[in-house]
Structure formats: structure tokens, C-alpha cells
């Protein structure tokens, strides 16, 4: 139970800051207000945000239940996670978070928020390549190397036999 509580706590702080507070500050700075009338972009934005949020939650639960840890670098999983959403891509939590942000950008029709999404993706990519992957290689060695050969960093493989083939 402790890993689940820790994972949900850390995820709430991350989500609250990166996916709620920072975008709200950006929207306020750019003078954006919530649309009064909802059109197709708002509904698509809500769907994209909801899908991204579901992926993030799935990842957090997988970290806690399978990995016995959290998404936070200072409290990482004790085991390499290769199941759940991680069987499709190596970084589904970041993809889910970017989807939440992109959905909000659609909802608000905000170019500033789309710019934030691009900055988020760039920073995330650099963090993954410069910190996460080297750390996982040191921690899980051959197991992580085999996982990297089976599963791509950002885009799932297209195959008839599934993501692990």
C-alpha cells in the first residue's frame, strides 16, 4: 500500500505543477479565457486530455503495483517495468502528460499552450536521453538493454505479433 500512496502523492504534485499550475499561468499571461461556447475543438480537447490523463494514471499505478516505486527520480521503482503501458513504448507517462497539455491547448485554442507542449516535449526528451536511460542502463543492465531492443522510446512498433516481437 505504501508504494501506491507515495506514487499517487508524487504524481499529484507533478500533475498539479506541470499539467495544471504552469499551463494556467501561461493561459492567464496570454489573456486566454475559458470558451463560453463549446465547438468541435473543445470536445476533441476534452477527449485528448481525458485519454492522456488515463494513460498517466495507468502508468502511476503500474509504477506502484509492478515496480514497487514511484515515477519520482528520488523514489524509483525497484524493478524494471515492462508491462502495462510500458509494453508499447518506453515513455508512456510523458506521452500521456503531453496529450493532457495538447488537449488543453486545443480546448483553449491557445498557441502559447501549444508552444508549452513543444517545450515540454523537448525538455522531456533531453531528460530521458541524458538522465533516465543512462540511469536505467546502470541499474538494470542487460534487462534494460533487451527491453530497449524490443520497445521503442516514443512510438510503438507496428507489427502483427504485438509490441514485443
Protein backbone atom coordinates (compact mmCIF):
# COMPACT_ATOMS: atom_id res chain seq x y z
CA UNK A 1 0.00 0.00 0.00
CA UNK A 2 2.89 2.40 0.77
CA UNK A 3 4.23 2.46 -2.84
CA UNK A 4 0.73 3.29 -4.11
CA UNK A 5 0.30 6.16 -1.65
CA UNK A 6 3.78 7.51 -2.45
CA UNK A 7 3.20 7.17 -6.21
CA UNK A 8 -0.15 8.96 -6.06
CA UNK A 9 1.31 11.72 -3.88
CA UNK A 10 4.28 12.37 -6.18
CA UNK A 11 2.09 12.14 -9.27
CA UNK A 12 -0.35 14.63 -7.80
CA UNK A 13 2.48 17.11 -7.18
CA UNK A 14 3.84 16.62 -10.73
CA UNK A 15 0.41 16.80 -12.35
CA UNK A 16 -0.59 19.75 -10.22
CA UNK A 17 2.51 21.74 -11.11
CA UNK A 18 3.33 20.76 -14.73
CA UNK A 19 -0.10 19.95 -16.11
CA UNK A 20 -2.29 22.39 -14.16
CA UNK A 21 -0.48 25.29 -12.48
CA UNK A 22 2.09 26.11 -15.21
CA UNK A 23 -0.44 25.95 -18.08
CA UNK A 24 -2.91 28.05 -16.05
CA UNK A 25 -0.21 30.67 -15.54
CA UNK A 26 0.57 30.64 -19.26
CA UNK A 27 -3.10 30.98 -20.17
CA UNK A 28 -3.52 33.85 -17.72
CA UNK A 29 -0.39 35.57 -19.04
CA UNK A 30 -1.59 35.22 -22.64
CA UNK A 31 -5.07 36.54 -21.73
CA UNK A 32 -6.93 33.33 -22.61
CA UNK A 33 -10.29 32.65 -21.01
CA UNK A 34 -12.39 29.51 -20.95
CA UNK A 35 -14.52 29.33 -24.11
CA UNK A 36 -18.15 30.22 -23.48
CA UNK A 37 -19.43 28.14 -26.39
CA UNK A 38 -18.10 24.65 -26.97
CA UNK A 39 -17.34 23.60 -30.51
CA UNK A 40 -15.61 20.57 -32.01
CA UNK A 41 -12.14 21.71 -30.84
CA UNK A 42 -13.29 21.86 -27.24
CA UNK A 43 -14.77 18.35 -27.39
CA UNK A 44 -11.66 16.98 -29.11
CA UNK A 45 -9.52 18.75 -26.49
CA UNK A 46 -11.51 17.17 -23.67
CA UNK A 47 -11.16 13.72 -25.27
CA UNK A 48 -7.40 14.11 -25.81
CA UNK A 49 -6.93 15.41 -22.26
CA UNK A 50 -9.01 12.56 -20.82
CA UNK A 51 -7.10 9.95 -22.80
CA UNK A 52 -3.78 11.42 -21.72
CA UNK A 53 -4.88 11.56 -18.09
CA UNK A 54 -5.95 7.89 -18.25
CA UNK A 55 -2.52 6.91 -19.60
CA UNK A 56 -0.76 8.90 -16.85
CA UNK A 57 -2.89 7.23 -14.17
CA UNK A 58 -2.25 3.77 -15.69
CA UNK A 59 1.49 4.50 -15.59
CA UNK A 60 1.43 5.69 -11.99
CA UNK A 61 -0.49 2.59 -10.89
CA UNK A 62 1.91 0.36 -12.83
CA UNK A 63 4.89 2.05 -11.13
CA UNK A 64 3.38 1.40 -7.70
CA UNK A 65 1.98 -2.10 -8.19
CA UNK A 66 4.53 -3.69 -10.54
CA UNK A 67 7.65 -1.61 -9.84
CA UNK A 68 7.01 -1.07 -6.12
CA UNK A 69 8.12 2.54 -6.52
CA UNK A 70 7.07 5.88 -7.91
CA UNK A 71 7.67 7.98 -11.04
CA UNK A 72 9.84 10.36 -8.98
CA UNK A 73 13.59 10.05 -9.70
CA UNK A 74 14.33 10.11 -5.94
CA UNK A 75 11.99 7.14 -5.29
CA UNK A 76 12.25 4.97 -8.43
CA UNK A 77 10.73 1.53 -8.98
CA UNK A 78 12.61 -1.42 -7.52
CA UNK A 79 12.02 -3.50 -10.66
CA UNK A 80 12.20 -2.65 -14.35
CA UNK A 81 8.66 -2.05 -15.59
CA UNK A 82 7.97 -3.65 -18.97
CA UNK A 83 4.25 -4.35 -18.60
CA UNK A 84 1.10 -2.25 -18.73
CA UNK A 85 1.55 0.77 -20.98
CA UNK A 86 5.34 0.19 -20.93
CA UNK A 87 4.98 -2.82 -23.20
CA UNK A 88 4.04 -0.46 -26.06
CA UNK A 89 6.52 2.43 -25.58
CA UNK A 90 9.24 3.13 -23.03
CA UNK A 91 7.89 6.55 -22.01
CA UNK A 92 4.08 6.41 -21.96
CA UNK A 93 3.77 8.68 -18.92
CA UNK A 94 5.40 11.57 -20.78
CA UNK A 95 3.27 10.88 -23.84
CA UNK A 96 0.16 10.94 -21.63
CA UNK A 97 1.26 14.20 -20.00
CA UNK A 98 1.94 15.80 -23.39
CA UNK A 99 -1.52 14.65 -24.50
CA UNK A 100 -3.10 16.33 -21.49
CA UNK A 101 -1.33 19.57 -22.38
CA UNK A 102 -2.16 19.28 -26.10
CA UNK A 103 -5.81 18.65 -25.26
CA UNK A 104 -5.85 21.80 -23.12
CA UNK A 105 -4.23 23.74 -25.96
CA UNK A 106 -6.98 22.53 -28.30
CA UNK A 107 -9.70 23.30 -25.77
CA UNK A 108 -8.47 26.87 -25.31
CA UNK A 109 -7.28 27.29 -28.93
CA UNK A 110 -4.03 28.50 -27.42
CA UNK A 111 -0.86 28.78 -29.48
CA UNK A 112 1.03 29.69 -26.29
CA UNK A 113 -0.06 26.40 -24.74
CA UNK A 114 0.94 24.50 -27.90
CA UNK A 115 4.34 26.15 -27.54
CA UNK A 116 4.44 24.92 -23.94
CA UNK A 117 3.74 21.39 -25.22
CA UNK A 118 6.71 21.63 -27.59
CA UNK A 119 8.99 22.90 -24.81
CA UNK A 120 7.71 20.13 -22.52
CA UNK A 121 8.49 17.51 -25.19
CA UNK A 122 11.99 18.88 -25.80
CA UNK A 123 12.85 19.03 -22.10
CA UNK A 124 11.37 15.58 -21.56
CA UNK A 125 13.35 14.10 -24.45
CA UNK A 126 16.59 15.57 -23.11
CA UNK A 127 15.79 14.32 -19.58
CA UNK A 128 15.08 10.82 -20.91
CA UNK A 129 18.21 10.64 -23.06
CA UNK A 130 20.64 12.34 -20.68
CA UNK A 131 19.40 11.07 -17.30
CA UNK A 132 16.74 8.35 -17.33
CA UNK A 133 18.17 5.99 -19.93
CA UNK A 134 21.75 6.03 -18.56
CA UNK A 135 20.39 5.50 -15.04
CA UNK A 136 18.22 2.58 -16.17
CA UNK A 137 21.17 1.04 -18.07
CA UNK A 138 23.30 1.21 -14.91
CA UNK A 139 20.52 -0.07 -12.65
CA UNK A 140 19.01 -2.84 -14.80
CA UNK A 141 21.91 -3.55 -17.22
CA UNK A 142 21.15 -6.37 -19.69
CA UNK A 143 17.44 -6.47 -18.81
CA UNK A 144 17.07 -2.82 -19.85
CA UNK A 145 19.14 -3.36 -22.99
CA UNK A 146 16.85 -6.20 -24.07
CA UNK A 147 13.81 -4.06 -23.31
CA UNK A 148 15.20 -1.21 -25.45
CA UNK A 149 15.68 -3.61 -28.36
CA UNK A 150 12.02 -4.73 -28.09
CA UNK A 151 10.26 -1.45 -27.29
CA UNK A 152 10.81 1.97 -28.83
CA UNK A 153 11.33 5.17 -26.86
CA UNK A 154 8.39 7.21 -28.20
CA UNK A 155 6.47 5.39 -30.95
CA UNK A 156 5.08 1.85 -30.72
CA UNK A 157 6.29 -0.68 -33.25
CA UNK A 158 3.89 -1.74 -35.93
CA UNK A 159 3.85 -5.50 -36.09
CA UNK A 160 1.37 -8.30 -36.45
CA UNK A 161 2.75 -10.10 -33.40
CA UNK A 162 2.48 -7.21 -30.95
CA UNK A 163 4.95 -4.76 -29.45
CA UNK A 164 7.41 -7.35 -28.13
CA UNK A 165 8.23 -9.02 -31.42
